[in-house]
Amino acid sequence: MNEDKYQNVDGLREAFQQFSRMNWRKTTVWGLKPSEVRMLVSLKLGKEREGKKGQTVSDISKFLKVTSPTVTQMVNSLIAQGYVVRSADAQDRRISEITLTEKGEHLAEMAVTKSRNTFKGMIDYMGKDKTDSLMELLNEVYDYFEELNDQPTES
């Protein structure tokens, strides 16, 4: 009886592997890497969510769940391309804030719109009830993997 519980384990693994084979995170968009677009979106949404004009590297790092050196590398690239600017904090000059330029704001808005339209299309395709169930299940899957990652690894 207990083996029946695991009869779909290979099908579940295959379902997850399908996503890794998709090119949705590997291709460049508007001449930027997907990670750079995510950073622009993060800055835009952070501005809307927190009401702050700029964000620190540490803020961005926590939100995107990547290291500060990774964020710094992306920021430098985006500065060079004219999408963001770095400025010193008025109270503490050791802290710098990263802010979208007009060009960066425009591209971030386009990316948010494209993303929202993609997911609206998925809702239309699947229906609201299935989409709500999927969202709940995906959040549970995320929680499971977070718990798994928090466990010490066996040597």
Protein backbone atom coordinates (compact mmCIF):
# COMPACT_ATOMS: atom_id res chain seq x y z
CA MET A 1 0.00 0.00 0.00
CA ASN A 2 2.83 2.40 0.86
CA GLU A 3 4.45 1.86 -2.55
CA ASP A 4 1.28 3.13 -4.28
CA LYS A 5 1.92 6.49 -2.65
CA TYR A 6 5.17 6.80 -4.61
CA GLN A 7 4.10 5.37 -7.97
CA ASN A 8 4.15 8.83 -9.58
CA VAL A 9 7.58 9.85 -8.30
CA ASP A 10 9.18 9.56 -11.75
CA GLY A 11 6.30 11.44 -13.38
CA LEU A 12 6.65 14.24 -10.82
CA ARG A 13 10.40 14.44 -11.36
CA GLU A 14 9.85 14.57 -15.14
CA ALA A 15 7.24 17.32 -14.76
CA PHE A 16 9.77 19.46 -12.88
CA GLN A 17 12.53 18.68 -15.40
CA GLN A 18 10.35 20.03 -18.22
CA PHE A 19 10.69 23.49 -16.71
CA SER A 20 14.47 23.27 -16.58
CA ARG A 21 14.51 22.43 -20.30
CA MET A 22 12.50 25.52 -21.19
CA ASN A 23 14.47 28.49 -22.42
CA TRP A 24 12.40 31.09 -20.58
CA ARG A 25 15.23 32.07 -18.23
CA LYS A 26 18.16 31.61 -20.59
CA THR A 27 17.36 33.97 -23.43
CA THR A 28 18.13 37.66 -23.47
CA VAL A 29 15.24 40.08 -23.44
CA TRP A 30 15.62 43.59 -24.87
CA GLY A 31 19.38 42.98 -24.97
CA LEU A 32 19.57 42.22 -21.24
CA LYS A 33 20.07 39.01 -19.32
CA PRO A 34 16.94 37.72 -17.56
CA SER A 35 18.64 38.37 -14.21
CA GLU A 36 19.16 42.03 -15.17
CA VAL A 37 15.51 42.37 -16.18
CA ARG A 38 14.49 40.81 -12.84
CA MET A 39 16.63 43.38 -11.05
CA LEU A 40 14.97 46.27 -12.91
CA VAL A 41 11.57 44.83 -12.04
CA SER A 42 12.69 44.37 -8.44
CA LEU A 43 13.68 48.03 -8.26
CA LYS A 44 10.37 49.11 -9.76
CA LEU A 45 8.26 46.90 -7.51
CA GLY A 46 10.37 47.86 -4.48
CA LYS A 47 9.67 51.49 -5.23
CA GLU A 48 5.94 50.76 -5.44
CA ARG A 49 5.91 48.39 -2.44
CA GLU A 50 8.08 50.38 -0.04
CA GLY A 51 7.68 53.88 -1.39
CA LYS A 52 11.46 54.31 -1.51
CA LYS A 53 12.99 55.89 -4.59
CA GLY A 54 16.12 53.72 -4.44
CA GLN A 55 17.26 50.48 -2.87
CA THR A 56 20.57 49.33 -1.45
CA VAL A 57 22.53 46.40 -2.83
CA SER A 58 21.64 44.57 0.38
CA ASP A 59 17.89 45.21 -0.14
CA ILE A 60 18.09 43.92 -3.70
CA SER A 61 20.19 40.94 -2.64
CA LYS A 62 17.62 39.88 -0.03
CA PHE A 63 14.69 40.34 -2.39
CA LEU A 64 16.26 38.43 -5.30
CA LYS A 65 17.88 35.86 -2.97
CA VAL A 66 21.32 36.25 -4.53
CA THR A 67 24.64 37.37 -3.06
CA SER A 68 25.63 41.03 -2.80
CA PRO A 69 28.60 40.55 -5.19
CA THR A 70 26.18 39.16 -7.79
CA VAL A 71 23.94 42.21 -7.36
CA THR A 72 26.93 44.56 -7.59
CA GLN A 73 28.02 42.93 -10.86
CA MET A 74 24.52 43.34 -12.33
CA VAL A 75 24.27 46.93 -11.05
CA ASN A 76 27.58 47.82 -12.72
CA SER A 77 26.35 46.35 -16.01
CA LEU A 78 23.02 48.20 -15.77
CA ILE A 79 24.78 51.47 -14.92
CA ALA A 80 27.00 51.07 -18.00
CA GLN A 81 23.89 50.55 -20.14
CA GLY A 82 22.07 53.55 -18.64
CA TYR A 83 19.27 51.68 -16.86
CA VAL A 84 20.18 52.55 -13.25
CA VAL A 85 22.25 55.07 -11.31
CA ARG A 86 24.12 54.70 -8.04
CA SER A 87 24.07 57.57 -5.55
CA ALA A 88 25.30 58.00 -1.99
CA ASP A 89 22.73 57.93 0.81
CA ALA A 90 22.13 61.40 2.27
CA GLN A 91 22.45 60.19 5.90
CA ASP A 92 25.25 57.64 5.49
CA ARG A 93 27.65 58.15 2.61
CA ARG A 94 28.95 54.56 3.00
CA ILE A 95 25.60 53.32 1.72
CA SER A 96 24.69 53.76 -1.92
CA GLU A 97 21.21 53.62 -3.37
CA ILE A 98 20.40 52.12 -6.73
CA THR A 99 17.69 53.96 -8.66
CA LEU A 100 16.07 53.39 -12.03
CA THR A 101 16.74 55.94 -14.76
CA GLU A 102 13.90 56.95 -17.06
CA LYS A 103 15.17 54.35 -19.54
CA GLY A 104 15.25 51.70 -16.76
CA GLU A 105 11.79 52.67 -15.52
CA HIS A 106 10.40 52.28 -19.04
CA LEU A 107 11.97 48.86 -19.57
CA ALA A 108 10.89 47.67 -16.10
CA GLU A 109 7.32 48.73 -16.86
CA MET A 110 7.42 46.83 -20.16
CA ALA A 111 8.74 43.74 -18.35
CA VAL A 112 6.05 43.93 -15.64
CA THR A 113 3.35 44.32 -18.29
CA LYS A 114 4.72 41.40 -20.33
CA SER A 115 4.91 39.18 -17.23
CA ARG A 116 1.41 40.09 -16.05
CA ASN A 117 0.00 39.45 -19.53
CA THR A 118 1.72 36.05 -19.64
CA PHE A 119 0.13 35.03 -16.36
CA LYS A 120 -3.24 36.49 -17.35
CA GLY A 121 -3.02 34.23 -20.39
CA MET A 122 -2.30 31.27 -18.15
CA ILE A 123 -5.36 32.12 -16.04
CA ASP A 124 -7.46 32.30 -19.22
CA TYR A 125 -6.01 28.96 -20.37
CA MET A 126 -6.42 27.09 -17.08
CA GLY A 127 -9.32 28.90 -15.47
CA LYS A 128 -9.37 30.74 -12.16
CA ASP A 129 -10.04 27.72 -9.90
CA LYS A 130 -7.20 25.62 -11.33
CA THR A 131 -4.89 28.63 -11.24
CA ASP A 132 -5.73 29.31 -7.58
CA SER A 133 -5.08 25.64 -6.76
CA LEU A 134 -1.81 25.69 -8.70
CA MET A 135 -0.66 28.81 -6.88
CA GLU A 136 -1.44 27.21 -3.52
CA LEU A 137 0.36 24.00 -4.50
CA LEU A 138 3.41 25.82 -5.85
CA ASN A 139 3.71 27.78 -2.62
CA GLU A 140 3.61 24.49 -0.70
CA VAL A 141 6.26 23.02 -3.00
CA TYR A 142 8.43 26.09 -2.41
CA ASP A 143 8.01 25.73 1.37
CA TYR A 144 8.99 22.05 1.12
CA PHE A 145 12.19 22.84 -0.79
CA GLU A 146 13.03 25.69 1.59
CA GLU A 147 12.72 23.27 4.53
CA LEU A 148 14.81 20.72 2.64
CA ASN A 149 17.53 23.32 1.98
CA ASP A 150 17.57 24.31 5.65
CA GLN A 151 18.42 20.75 6.74
CA PRO A 152 22.09 19.95 7.32
CA THR A 153 23.63 17.87 4.56
CA GLU A 154 24.90 14.42 5.43
CA SER A 155 28.54 13.71 4.76
